[in-house]
Amino acid sequence: MSPDERWLAYSVDTTGEEVYQLRFRDLDTGGDLDELVPRSYYTGAWSADSSTFFYTVHDEMYRPYQVWRHRLGSAVEDDVCVLDEPDARFELTVRQTRSGDLVVLTARSRDTTEVWLVEASAPGEPARCIEPRRRGVEYDVEHARFPGGEDVLLVLTNEGATEFRLMQAPVHFPGREHWRERIGEVPEERLHSVDAFARALVLSLRRDGSPLLRVLPLDGGAGFDLAAPPAGRIVLGRNEVWDADLVTVMHESATSPPTWEDVDLRTGERAVRHRQEAPGHDPGRYLTQREEVVCADGTAVPVTVTRHRDIPLDGTAPCVLWGYGAYESCDDPEFDPALFSLLDRGAVHVKTHPRGGGERGRWWWLDGRLQHKQHTFDDHAGVAGYLADSGLVDPERIATRGLSAGGLLQGAVLSQHPERWRAVVAEVPFVDVVTTMLDPSVPLTVNEWDEWGDPRLPEDFAWMLAYSPYDNLPPAGGRPDLLVTGALHDPRVLVSEPAKWVAALRAGDPAWSPRCLFRVETGAGAHTGPAGRYAHLGYEAEVAAWLLERLDLA
């Protein structure tokens, strides 16, 4: 919505291919303007006077590589390119600071960033770079105004700080030579972001593997922390008002629906604003807990265990694992209504948080990417082994599930430990690692080299080939049942990739092939399943039914 609250910029994709038409609606009349941007991508920002909108455009490889500006009432053909990113490793985003003073354009690769600014009051002026990119240095910025009227840029960076620190610089002289440390690195805390309001800063960070919010009043008053619920998560909600006395936060767990609370920025007093309804659901019927499993190399891997209160951990119940472990993504527990269909029928659900994710900080990601990627697979399999060998779940009825990079995880543990699983669900799996990463004409390849490796380099090729599921099929005989999904319109993992893997698996073990099911979404929808709430519920029901039958719970 524009700053004057008259205009709505919105985008539409009717197939799931993530190619969006950008449109503008007059909220006074309810009608759309005639101008329509035929191709746009995520993120956008308004100018201060609500006359101009900044948006991103992606190329044929689905990389947002340009930021454009459109002036309302003008022809789309007259739009102006504000920033062009020629390096295929980098993607562009655009946003407006909460203060409304600045438009922020960010070029980002997996381990490097470069930020540009445009004055929101002068949208036609050229963007100016804060600090030129340097390989391995990341930084993000936020605009803050301290008591007395001092305008500063807050700079969150990993320069000299693996887990990040907070710097500040004058708005009009933001280069590196003017950065001054405001909050130093705390090795036990991963500082993820800073949100500035007129009266306080809100830091989003992680400590001891769990998310945490920290409120720091700008008047020098005592700060305070907002912790996540046990085995749950807490995040800052969508708070658009700069001059606010309250901010809204959201917390949830695997067993408790999301709750939004207003938090007083001075006192920390909390009041419930809204709870998501879950008719018929009683959180007291279930137990969820955070544990750590020490794997073979001595690494303590966090896990979230959720079960019905009446289901004991005595080795009699089947178990469904879920794992991801990539991109420093923090796969914290969320409330999923579909989960209870499994729990009510006697399954134990275990979400693993393996290396490659970000649950324990930046170092957790670094120890699970590139040449260390095998750690992700070892952690997930190690958790399954511990659950079975310690007598907590039925060792003969363990299933595992994951999506995208989590689908790669499923393919790897299927190949490396086929005897461990009763069933495997690999959703839109990235399984032909070497071939895909060798082909720059495939979407999301070049900008993924910093996560997986560049197979044109012999050393990278060797470690990628060592775990690529397509190149390391499990031996015939003794394979578990397998459900693989793909989507015709998926631009992230092309449907040909799981199809090729399924064909190779079936050809390598014809007697087993009827137990390998390949489900392809051909309608609207893509990477995370079919589009629409009811269609997605139907999809989840299919997966749950397949799992329940294999775990002898149908």
Protein backbone atom coordinates (compact mmCIF):
# COMPACT_ATOMS: atom_id res chain seq x y z
CA MET A 1 0.00 0.00 0.00
CA SER A 2 1.23 3.48 -0.84
CA PRO A 3 2.21 5.92 1.94
CA ASP A 4 -0.95 7.99 1.35
CA GLU A 5 -3.00 4.76 1.55
CA ARG A 6 -4.68 5.42 -1.79
CA TRP A 7 -2.87 2.93 -4.04
CA LEU A 8 -2.32 -0.81 -3.83
CA ALA A 9 0.44 -2.43 -5.86
CA TYR A 10 -0.24 -6.14 -6.28
CA SER A 11 0.98 -8.94 -8.51
CA VAL A 12 -0.75 -11.99 -9.99
CA ASP A 13 0.55 -15.39 -11.14
CA THR A 14 -2.12 -17.79 -12.40
CA THR A 15 0.05 -20.86 -13.10
CA GLY A 16 2.57 -21.13 -10.26
CA GLU A 17 5.55 -20.34 -12.53
CA GLU A 18 6.41 -17.23 -10.46
CA VAL A 19 6.02 -14.84 -13.39
CA TYR A 20 3.87 -12.04 -12.00
CA GLN A 21 1.80 -9.31 -13.63
CA LEU A 22 2.14 -6.13 -11.58
CA ARG A 23 -1.03 -4.05 -11.25
CA PHE A 24 -2.13 -0.89 -9.43
CA ARG A 25 -5.50 -0.43 -7.76
CA ASP A 26 -7.15 2.83 -6.73
CA LEU A 27 -8.45 2.06 -3.23
CA ASP A 28 -10.84 5.02 -3.39
CA THR A 29 -12.70 3.65 -6.41
CA GLY A 30 -11.77 -0.04 -6.30
CA GLY A 31 -10.69 0.04 -9.94
CA ASP A 32 -7.34 -0.89 -11.47
CA LEU A 33 -5.29 1.48 -13.58
CA ASP A 34 -4.78 0.57 -17.21
CA GLU A 35 -1.00 0.27 -16.84
CA LEU A 36 0.11 -3.33 -16.30
CA VAL A 37 3.69 -4.55 -15.93
CA PRO A 38 3.71 -7.96 -17.70
CA ARG A 39 6.74 -9.45 -15.91
CA SER A 40 7.78 -8.75 -12.35
CA TYR A 41 9.10 -10.59 -9.31
CA TYR A 42 9.12 -10.33 -5.53
CA THR A 43 9.63 -7.12 -3.47
CA GLY A 44 8.76 -3.50 -4.20
CA ALA A 45 8.79 0.01 -2.71
CA TRP A 46 6.91 3.29 -2.99
CA SER A 47 8.28 6.79 -3.22
CA ALA A 48 7.45 9.16 -0.37
CA ASP A 49 4.76 11.01 -2.37
CA SER A 50 3.06 7.76 -3.55
CA SER A 51 3.64 8.68 -7.20
CA THR A 52 6.31 6.11 -8.07
CA PHE A 53 6.70 2.38 -7.49
CA PHE A 54 9.99 0.45 -7.64
CA TYR A 55 9.83 -3.22 -8.67
CA THR A 56 12.11 -6.08 -9.70
CA VAL A 57 12.23 -8.01 -12.96
CA HIS A 58 13.67 -11.50 -13.34
CA ASP A 59 15.40 -12.99 -16.36
CA GLU A 60 14.71 -16.30 -18.07
CA MET A 61 16.76 -18.02 -15.37
CA TYR A 62 14.34 -16.64 -12.76
CA ARG A 63 17.02 -14.38 -11.32
CA PRO A 64 15.79 -10.91 -10.32
CA TYR A 65 18.44 -8.88 -12.08
CA GLN A 66 16.90 -5.44 -12.54
CA VAL A 67 15.09 -2.83 -10.46
CA TRP A 68 12.72 -0.55 -12.37
CA ARG A 69 10.56 2.40 -11.41
CA HIS A 70 7.08 3.15 -12.68
CA ARG A 71 5.30 6.49 -12.32
CA LEU A 72 1.54 6.10 -11.86
CA GLY A 73 -0.42 7.41 -14.82
CA SER A 74 2.42 6.87 -17.30
CA ALA A 75 2.90 4.16 -19.90
CA VAL A 76 4.75 1.05 -18.74
CA GLU A 77 6.99 1.44 -21.80
CA ASP A 78 8.33 4.63 -20.20
CA ASP A 79 9.47 2.86 -17.01
CA VAL A 80 13.11 3.47 -16.08
CA CYS A 81 15.70 0.84 -15.12
CA VAL A 82 17.25 2.00 -11.83
CA LEU A 83 19.78 -0.82 -11.32
CA ASP A 84 21.00 -3.70 -13.47
CA GLU A 85 22.95 -6.62 -11.99
CA PRO A 86 25.18 -8.32 -14.60
CA ASP A 87 26.75 -10.91 -12.25
CA ALA A 88 24.65 -14.08 -12.47
CA ARG A 89 25.54 -15.01 -8.89
CA PHE A 90 23.63 -12.03 -7.51
CA GLU A 91 19.90 -11.32 -7.10
CA LEU A 92 18.25 -7.95 -6.52
CA THR A 93 15.58 -6.95 -4.03
CA VAL A 94 14.03 -3.54 -3.29
CA ARG A 95 12.26 -2.24 -0.18
CA GLN A 96 11.44 0.98 1.62
CA THR A 97 12.74 1.67 5.12
CA ARG A 98 10.08 1.85 7.80
CA SER A 99 10.86 5.53 8.30
CA GLY A 100 9.75 6.10 4.71
CA ASP A 101 12.88 8.12 3.93
CA LEU A 102 14.90 5.65 1.87
CA VAL A 103 14.45 3.05 -0.85
CA VAL A 104 16.96 0.22 -0.37
CA LEU A 105 18.21 -1.85 -3.33
CA THR A 106 20.20 -4.94 -2.36
CA ALA A 107 22.36 -7.15 -4.58
CA ARG A 108 22.93 -10.45 -2.80
CA SER A 109 24.72 -13.72 -3.46
CA ARG A 110 25.03 -16.58 -0.98
CA ASP A 111 27.90 -14.91 0.86
CA THR A 112 28.24 -11.33 -0.44
CA THR A 113 26.04 -8.22 -0.55
CA GLU A 114 26.08 -4.72 -1.97
CA VAL A 115 23.48 -2.10 -1.04
CA TRP A 116 22.30 0.99 -2.94
CA LEU A 117 20.06 3.83 -1.73
CA VAL A 118 17.54 6.17 -3.35
CA GLU A 119 15.99 9.04 -1.43
CA ALA A 120 12.26 8.24 -1.27
CA SER A 121 11.54 11.94 -1.65
CA ALA A 122 13.56 12.07 -4.89
CA PRO A 123 12.69 8.83 -6.73
CA GLY A 124 14.12 10.10 -10.02
CA GLU A 125 17.61 10.54 -8.64
CA PRO A 126 20.23 7.84 -9.40
CA ALA A 127 20.91 5.17 -6.78
CA ARG A 128 24.10 5.56 -4.74
CA CYS A 129 26.16 2.63 -3.48
CA ILE A 130 26.86 2.42 0.25
CA GLU A 131 29.92 0.17 0.01
CA PRO A 132 31.15 -1.80 -3.04
CA ARG A 133 30.91 -5.56 -2.74
CA ARG A 134 33.77 -7.57 -1.35
CA ARG A 135 33.68 -11.35 -1.61
CA GLY A 136 32.53 -12.90 1.66
CA VAL A 137 31.34 -9.63 3.23
CA GLU A 138 27.60 -9.30 3.85
CA TYR A 139 25.76 -6.27 5.10
CA ASP A 140 22.18 -5.01 5.38
CA VAL A 141 21.01 -1.55 6.37
CA GLU A 142 18.17 0.05 8.31
CA HIS A 143 17.42 3.75 8.82
CA ALA A 144 17.16 4.97 12.42
CA ARG A 145 16.55 8.38 13.94
CA PHE A 146 17.85 8.83 17.48
CA PRO A 147 16.45 11.22 20.10
CA GLY A 148 17.60 14.68 19.17
CA GLY A 149 17.04 14.06 15.46
CA GLU A 150 20.32 12.31 14.53
CA ASP A 151 19.80 10.28 11.33
CA VAL A 152 21.96 7.16 10.98
CA LEU A 153 22.20 4.00 8.94
CA LEU A 154 22.38 0.86 11.03
CA VAL A 155 24.62 -1.64 9.25
CA LEU A 156 24.30 -5.33 10.11
CA THR A 157 27.44 -7.11 8.88
CA ASN A 158 29.57 -10.22 9.18
CA GLU A 159 32.78 -8.27 8.51
CA GLY A 160 35.07 -9.38 11.32
CA ALA A 161 32.14 -11.15 13.00
CA THR A 162 31.03 -14.64 11.95
CA GLU A 163 27.75 -14.32 13.85
CA PHE A 164 27.33 -10.65 12.77
CA ARG A 165 27.57 -7.32 14.57
CA LEU A 166 25.75 -3.99 14.32
CA MET A 167 27.50 -0.86 13.04
CA GLN A 168 26.24 2.65 12.37
CA ALA A 169 27.14 5.40 9.91
CA PRO A 170 25.82 8.82 8.88
CA VAL A 171 23.05 8.57 6.28
CA HIS A 172 24.81 10.89 3.86
CA PHE A 173 28.29 9.38 4.41
CA PRO A 174 27.55 5.65 4.66
CA GLY A 175 30.82 4.22 3.30
CA ARG A 176 32.89 1.69 5.21
CA GLU A 177 35.33 4.32 6.49
CA HIS A 178 32.47 5.86 8.49
CA TRP A 179 31.18 2.64 10.09
CA ARG A 180 31.34 2.58 13.89
CA GLU A 181 30.48 -0.42 16.03
CA ARG A 182 27.26 -0.13 18.03
CA ILE A 183 26.73 -3.76 19.13
CA GLY A 184 29.65 -6.16 18.97
CA GLU A 185 29.56 -9.81 18.00
CA VAL A 186 28.36 -12.28 20.63
CA PRO A 187 29.65 -15.71 19.52
CA GLU A 188 26.74 -17.49 21.22
CA GLU A 189 24.15 -15.34 19.42
CA ARG A 190 23.46 -15.09 15.70
CA LEU A 191 22.21 -11.58 14.94
CA HIS A 192 19.83 -11.88 11.97
CA SER A 193 18.19 -8.48 11.54
CA VAL A 194 17.46 -5.09 13.08
CA ASP A 195 14.15 -3.26 12.75
CA ALA A 196 14.10 0.42 13.66
CA PHE A 197 11.10 2.26 15.08
CA ALA A 198 10.87 5.82 16.30
CA ARG A 199 11.25 4.73 19.94
CA ALA A 200 13.20 1.47 19.85
CA LEU A 201 15.23 -1.05 17.90
CA VAL A 202 14.02 -4.64 17.67
CA LEU A 203 16.74 -7.23 17.05
CA SER A 204 15.94 -10.69 15.69
CA LEU A 205 18.53 -13.21 16.78
CA ARG A 206 19.12 -16.80 17.84
CA ARG A 207 20.59 -18.19 21.01
CA ASP A 208 20.98 -21.83 22.04
CA GLY A 209 19.33 -22.92 18.80
CA SER A 210 16.11 -20.96 19.39
CA PRO A 211 14.79 -17.64 18.05
CA LEU A 212 14.69 -14.55 20.24
CA LEU A 213 13.59 -10.92 19.92
CA ARG A 214 15.43 -8.15 21.78
CA VAL A 215 13.92 -4.69 22.28
CA LEU A 216 16.33 -1.78 22.85
CA PRO A 217 14.61 1.56 23.63
CA LEU A 218 16.30 4.51 21.96
CA ASP A 219 15.94 6.75 25.01
CA GLY A 220 18.43 4.66 26.93
CA GLY A 221 15.84 2.74 28.92
CA ALA A 222 16.30 -0.88 29.90
CA GLY A 223 15.98 -3.35 27.07
CA PHE A 224 14.25 -6.71 27.30
CA ASP A 225 14.07 -10.05 25.49
CA LEU A 226 11.04 -11.85 24.08
CA ALA A 227 11.68 -15.59 24.06
CA ALA A 228 9.99 -18.20 21.90
CA PRO A 229 7.63 -20.69 23.57
CA PRO A 230 9.25 -24.02 24.46
CA ALA A 231 10.04 -25.92 21.26
CA GLY A 232 8.46 -23.10 19.27
CA ARG A 233 9.29 -19.90 17.46
CA ILE A 234 8.75 -16.16 17.76
CA VAL A 235 9.03 -13.55 15.01
CA LEU A 236 8.36 -9.87 14.60
CA GLY A 237 5.04 -9.42 12.85
CA ARG A 238 4.33 -7.02 10.02
CA ASN A 239 4.71 -3.62 11.63
CA GLU A 240 4.50 -0.79 9.10
CA VAL A 241 4.05 2.17 11.48
CA TRP A 242 7.29 3.98 12.24
CA ASP A 243 6.05 6.15 15.11
CA ALA A 244 4.58 3.25 17.12
CA ASP A 245 4.37 2.66 20.86
CA LEU A 246 3.56 -1.02 20.32
CA VAL A 247 4.83 -3.72 17.98
CA THR A 248 3.12 -6.96 17.11
CA VAL A 249 4.96 -10.26 17.50
CA MET A 250 3.82 -13.76 16.55
CA HIS A 251 4.63 -16.98 18.37
CA GLU A 252 3.61 -20.58 17.79
CA SER A 253 4.74 -24.17 18.22
CA ALA A 254 4.01 -27.51 16.59
CA THR A 255 1.05 -27.95 18.95
CA SER A 256 -0.14 -24.35 19.54
CA PRO A 257 -1.64 -22.20 16.76
CA PRO A 258 -0.12 -18.81 16.00
CA THR A 259 -0.84 -16.05 18.50
CA TRP A 260 -0.22 -12.37 17.77
CA GLU A 261 0.58 -10.12 20.70
CA ASP A 262 1.11 -6.37 21.01
CA VAL A 263 4.25 -5.52 22.97
CA ASP A 264 4.81 -2.13 24.59
CA LEU A 265 8.23 -0.92 23.41
CA ARG A 266 8.94 0.82 26.73
CA THR A 267 7.58 -1.58 29.36
CA GLY A 268 7.49 -4.94 27.58
CA GLU A 269 3.84 -5.39 28.59
CA ARG A 270 2.12 -7.88 26.28
CA ALA A 271 -1.53 -8.15 25.22
CA VAL A 272 -3.05 -10.74 22.90
CA ARG A 273 -4.35 -9.22 19.67
CA HIS A 274 -5.41 -12.37 17.80
CA ARG A 275 -5.23 -16.15 17.96
CA GLN A 276 -5.57 -18.32 14.89
CA GLU A 277 -8.66 -20.45 15.23
CA ALA A 278 -8.23 -24.22 15.21
CA PRO A 279 -11.71 -25.68 15.75
CA GLY A 280 -11.68 -28.92 17.70
CA HIS A 281 -7.97 -28.71 18.46
CA ASP A 282 -6.82 -29.18 22.05
CA PRO A 283 -3.10 -28.43 22.51
CA GLY A 284 -3.18 -30.27 25.82
CA ARG A 285 -3.60 -33.58 23.98
CA TYR A 286 -0.08 -33.32 22.56
CA LEU A 287 3.48 -33.00 23.76
CA THR A 288 6.31 -31.23 21.97
CA GLN A 289 9.87 -30.91 23.19
CA ARG A 290 13.28 -29.81 22.00
CA GLU A 291 16.11 -32.31 22.41
CA GLU A 292 19.67 -32.79 21.19
CA VAL A 293 21.07 -35.94 19.62
CA VAL A 294 24.83 -36.46 19.62
CA CYS A 295 25.84 -37.91 16.27
CA ALA A 296 28.85 -40.01 15.30
CA ASP A 297 31.31 -37.10 15.00
CA GLY A 298 30.27 -35.70 18.39
CA THR A 299 28.02 -32.93 17.02
CA ALA A 300 24.86 -32.22 19.02
CA VAL A 301 21.98 -31.96 16.54
CA PRO A 302 18.78 -30.22 17.71
CA VAL A 303 15.52 -32.07 17.13
CA THR A 304 11.89 -31.23 17.84
CA VAL A 305 9.82 -34.23 18.96
CA THR A 306 6.01 -34.02 18.80
CA ARG A 307 3.54 -36.74 19.75
CA HIS A 308 0.11 -37.46 21.18
CA ARG A 309 0.17 -37.44 24.95
CA ASP A 310 -0.98 -41.08 25.05
CA ILE A 311 1.80 -42.32 22.73
CA PRO A 312 4.85 -43.41 24.74
CA LEU A 313 8.47 -43.22 23.61
CA ASP A 314 9.07 -46.87 24.40
CA GLY A 315 9.97 -48.31 21.01
CA THR A 316 6.43 -49.26 19.97
CA ALA A 317 5.35 -46.21 17.95
CA PRO A 318 6.26 -45.50 14.33
CA CYS A 319 8.07 -42.29 13.51
CA VAL A 320 8.05 -39.71 10.69
CA LEU A 321 11.16 -37.54 10.35
CA TRP A 322 11.23 -34.21 8.54
CA GLY A 323 14.44 -32.45 7.52
CA TYR A 324 15.78 -29.61 5.38
CA GLY A 325 19.26 -28.30 6.25
CA ALA A 326 20.33 -25.76 3.61
CA TYR A 327 20.78 -22.02 2.88
CA GLU A 328 21.10 -21.18 6.59
CA SER A 329 17.32 -21.56 6.69
CA CYS A 330 15.95 -21.90 10.23
CA ASP A 331 13.35 -24.66 10.03
CA ASP A 332 11.69 -23.80 13.34
CA PRO A 333 8.52 -25.64 14.42
CA GLU A 334 5.29 -24.25 13.01
CA PHE A 335 1.67 -25.13 13.62
CA ASP A 336 0.56 -27.47 10.83
CA PRO A 337 -3.03 -28.78 11.07
CA ALA A 338 -2.15 -31.68 8.78
CA LEU A 339 0.32 -33.02 11.35
CA PHE A 340 -2.37 -34.14 13.78
CA SER A 341 -3.77 -36.71 11.37
CA LEU A 342 -0.49 -38.59 11.90
CA LEU A 343 -0.22 -37.93 15.63
CA ASP A 344 -3.80 -39.01 16.38
CA ARG A 345 -3.14 -42.33 14.67
CA GLY A 346 -0.08 -43.04 16.78
CA ALA A 347 2.93 -41.68 14.88
CA VAL A 348 5.74 -39.70 16.50
CA HIS A 349 6.91 -36.69 14.48
CA VAL A 350 10.56 -35.62 14.67
CA LYS A 351 11.83 -32.50 12.93
CA THR A 352 15.60 -32.60 12.58
CA HIS A 353 17.67 -29.41 12.42
CA PRO A 354 20.83 -30.63 10.67
CA ARG A 355 23.92 -28.69 9.72
CA GLY A 356 23.41 -26.63 6.59
CA GLY A 357 20.47 -24.84 8.21
CA GLY A 358 20.88 -21.85 10.49
CA GLU A 359 19.31 -23.05 13.70
CA ARG A 360 22.53 -22.84 15.72
CA GLY A 361 24.03 -19.84 13.97
CA ARG A 362 26.11 -18.99 10.95
CA TRP A 363 28.70 -21.64 11.78
CA TRP A 364 25.96 -24.30 11.59
CA TRP A 365 25.39 -23.36 7.96
CA LEU A 366 29.08 -23.16 7.14
CA ASP A 367 29.56 -26.70 8.48
CA GLY A 368 26.84 -28.05 6.19
CA ARG A 369 27.48 -26.44 2.80
CA LEU A 370 29.96 -26.93 -0.05
CA GLN A 371 32.59 -29.52 0.92
CA HIS A 372 30.81 -30.11 4.26
CA LYS A 373 27.42 -31.01 2.75
CA GLN A 374 27.71 -34.64 3.82
CA HIS A 375 27.27 -33.43 7.42
CA THR A 376 23.62 -32.62 6.64
CA PHE A 377 22.94 -36.21 5.60
CA ASP A 378 24.92 -37.67 8.50
CA ASP A 379 23.00 -35.57 11.02
CA HIS A 380 19.59 -36.61 9.72
CA ALA A 381 20.49 -40.28 9.48
CA GLY A 382 22.22 -40.09 12.86
CA VAL A 383 19.02 -38.84 14.51
CA ALA A 384 17.06 -41.73 12.98
CA GLY A 385 19.69 -44.18 14.19
CA TYR A 386 19.57 -42.78 17.71
CA LEU A 387 15.77 -42.96 17.86
CA ALA A 388 15.85 -46.58 16.75
CA ASP A 389 18.84 -47.79 18.77
CA SER A 390 17.77 -46.09 22.00
CA GLY A 391 14.38 -47.77 21.94
CA LEU A 392 12.36 -44.56 21.61
CA VAL A 393 10.51 -45.52 18.41
CA ASP A 394 9.87 -48.68 16.45
CA PRO A 395 13.09 -49.23 14.45
CA GLU A 396 11.16 -51.08 11.74
CA ARG A 397 8.70 -48.24 11.12
CA ILE A 398 10.66 -45.05 10.48
CA ALA A 399 9.70 -42.84 7.55
CA THR A 400 11.40 -39.64 6.38
CA ARG A 401 10.14 -36.65 4.40
CA GLY A 402 11.52 -33.42 2.95
CA LEU A 403 11.01 -30.88 0.17
CA SER A 404 13.36 -29.26 -2.38
CA ALA A 405 16.78 -29.14 -0.70
CA GLY A 406 15.08 -31.31 1.89
CA GLY A 407 14.21 -33.61 -1.01
CA LEU A 408 17.92 -33.84 -1.77
CA LEU A 409 18.37 -34.84 1.87
CA GLN A 410 15.82 -37.64 1.39
CA GLY A 411 17.52 -38.85 -1.78
CA ALA A 412 20.91 -38.92 -0.06
CA VAL A 413 19.77 -40.82 3.03
CA LEU A 414 17.84 -43.23 0.80
CA SER A 415 21.02 -44.01 -1.12
CA GLN A 416 23.32 -44.11 1.90
CA HIS A 417 21.02 -45.84 4.41
CA PRO A 418 18.25 -47.69 2.53
CA GLU A 419 17.88 -50.21 5.33
CA ARG A 420 16.94 -47.54 7.88
CA TRP A 421 13.63 -46.49 6.34
CA ARG A 422 10.21 -48.04 5.98
CA ALA A 423 9.23 -45.23 3.60
CA VAL A 424 10.70 -42.08 2.05
CA VAL A 425 8.84 -39.01 0.75
CA ALA A 426 11.00 -36.82 -1.50
CA GLU A 427 9.06 -33.74 -2.63
CA VAL A 428 10.30 -31.80 -5.67
CA PRO A 429 13.78 -33.15 -4.88
CA PHE A 430 17.02 -31.63 -6.12
CA VAL A 431 18.66 -34.97 -6.87
CA ASP A 432 20.68 -34.65 -10.09
CA VAL A 433 23.17 -32.35 -8.41
CA VAL A 434 26.15 -32.50 -10.75
CA THR A 435 24.26 -32.34 -14.07
CA THR A 436 22.03 -29.49 -12.90
CA MET A 437 24.89 -27.44 -11.51
CA LEU A 438 26.86 -27.95 -14.74
CA ASP A 439 24.09 -26.39 -16.84
CA PRO A 440 23.93 -22.56 -16.53
CA SER A 441 20.86 -22.54 -18.80
CA VAL A 442 18.82 -24.11 -16.00
CA PRO A 443 17.12 -21.63 -13.62
CA LEU A 444 18.83 -21.06 -10.29
CA THR A 445 22.16 -22.66 -11.20
CA VAL A 446 24.93 -20.05 -11.31
CA ASN A 447 23.66 -18.29 -8.19
CA GLU A 448 23.60 -21.66 -6.38
CA TRP A 449 27.29 -22.45 -6.85
CA ASP A 450 28.11 -20.72 -3.56
CA GLU A 451 25.77 -23.13 -1.75
CA TRP A 452 26.57 -26.47 -3.41
CA GLY A 453 29.80 -25.92 -5.33
CA ASP A 454 30.82 -25.34 -8.94
CA PRO A 455 31.26 -28.75 -10.61
CA ARG A 456 33.48 -27.19 -13.29
CA LEU A 457 36.15 -27.21 -10.56
CA PRO A 458 37.62 -30.70 -9.98
CA GLU A 459 37.52 -30.48 -6.19
CA ASP A 460 33.91 -29.32 -6.14
CA PHE A 461 32.94 -31.93 -8.73
CA ALA A 462 34.35 -34.70 -6.53
CA TRP A 463 32.40 -33.84 -3.39
CA MET A 464 29.16 -33.20 -5.29
CA LEU A 465 29.42 -36.45 -7.21
CA ALA A 466 30.03 -38.32 -3.96
CA TYR A 467 26.53 -37.60 -2.63
CA SER A 468 24.39 -36.78 -5.70
CA PRO A 469 21.42 -39.19 -5.41
CA TYR A 470 21.08 -39.70 -9.16
CA ASP A 471 24.72 -40.73 -9.36
CA ASN A 472 24.58 -42.93 -6.25
CA LEU A 473 21.49 -45.11 -6.52
CA PRO A 474 20.80 -47.50 -3.62
CA PRO A 475 21.52 -51.16 -4.36
CA ALA A 476 18.68 -53.26 -5.70
CA GLY A 477 16.83 -55.25 -3.11
CA GLY A 478 15.94 -53.95 0.31
CA ARG A 479 14.83 -50.52 -0.80
CA PRO A 480 12.03 -48.82 1.16
CA ASP A 481 8.81 -47.62 -0.43
CA LEU A 482 9.31 -44.26 -2.12
CA LEU A 483 6.97 -41.38 -2.96
CA VAL A 484 8.45 -38.70 -5.23
CA THR A 485 6.68 -35.51 -6.30
CA GLY A 486 7.28 -32.99 -9.05
CA ALA A 487 5.44 -30.04 -10.58
CA LEU A 488 5.11 -29.18 -14.24
CA HIS A 489 5.29 -25.42 -13.57
CA ASP A 490 8.06 -25.53 -10.97
CA PRO A 491 10.86 -23.10 -11.94
CA ARG A 492 13.07 -24.07 -8.98
CA VAL A 493 13.41 -27.83 -9.46
CA LEU A 494 12.43 -28.65 -13.03
CA VAL A 495 10.07 -31.63 -13.23
CA SER A 496 12.57 -33.45 -15.44
CA GLU A 497 14.92 -33.83 -12.47
CA PRO A 498 12.77 -36.05 -10.22
CA ALA A 499 11.42 -37.80 -13.34
CA LYS A 500 14.93 -38.75 -14.42
CA TRP A 501 15.78 -40.00 -10.93
CA VAL A 502 12.61 -42.09 -10.69
CA ALA A 503 13.29 -43.64 -14.11
CA ALA A 504 16.83 -44.59 -13.07
CA LEU A 505 15.64 -46.06 -9.76
CA ARG A 506 12.94 -48.14 -11.42
CA ALA A 507 15.29 -49.37 -14.14
CA GLY A 508 17.84 -50.42 -11.52
CA ASP A 509 15.38 -52.53 -9.54
CA PRO A 510 12.41 -53.67 -11.68
CA ALA A 511 11.00 -55.89 -8.93
CA TRP A 512 10.85 -52.92 -6.56
CA SER A 513 9.60 -50.36 -9.10
CA PRO A 514 5.85 -50.79 -8.32
CA ARG A 515 6.64 -49.51 -4.81
CA CYS A 516 8.01 -46.26 -6.26
CA LEU A 517 5.22 -43.75 -6.81
CA PHE A 518 5.81 -40.57 -8.85
CA ARG A 519 3.18 -37.86 -8.36
CA VAL A 520 3.35 -34.90 -10.76
CA GLU A 521 1.32 -31.74 -10.24
CA THR A 522 0.13 -30.72 -13.74
CA GLY A 523 -2.29 -27.97 -12.78
CA ALA A 524 -1.80 -24.58 -11.13
CA GLY A 525 0.85 -24.82 -8.46
CA ALA A 526 4.53 -25.45 -8.31
CA HIS A 527 7.32 -25.84 -5.79
CA THR A 528 5.31 -26.42 -2.62
CA GLY A 529 2.37 -28.24 -4.14
CA PRO A 530 -0.90 -27.33 -5.84
CA ALA A 531 -2.27 -23.80 -5.63
CA GLY A 532 -5.28 -23.03 -3.47
CA ARG A 533 -6.09 -23.97 0.10
CA TYR A 534 -8.38 -26.89 -0.65
CA ALA A 535 -6.15 -28.32 -3.35
CA HIS A 536 -3.21 -28.18 -0.98
CA LEU A 537 -5.21 -29.89 1.78
CA GLY A 538 -6.04 -32.63 -0.71
CA TYR A 539 -2.37 -33.00 -1.54
CA GLU A 540 -1.43 -33.29 2.14
CA ALA A 541 -4.15 -35.90 2.59
CA GLU A 542 -2.66 -37.98 -0.22
CA VAL A 543 0.80 -37.89 1.33
CA ALA A 544 -0.57 -38.66 4.80
CA ALA A 545 -2.63 -41.60 3.51
CA TRP A 546 0.42 -43.02 1.75
CA LEU A 547 2.54 -42.70 4.90
CA LEU A 548 -0.14 -44.14 7.21
CA GLU A 549 -0.48 -47.24 5.05
CA ARG A 550 3.26 -47.88 5.06
CA LEU A 551 3.53 -47.35 8.79
CA ASP A 552 0.67 -49.83 9.43
CA LEU A 553 -1.54 -47.06 10.81
CA ALA A 554 -4.18 -46.96 8.05
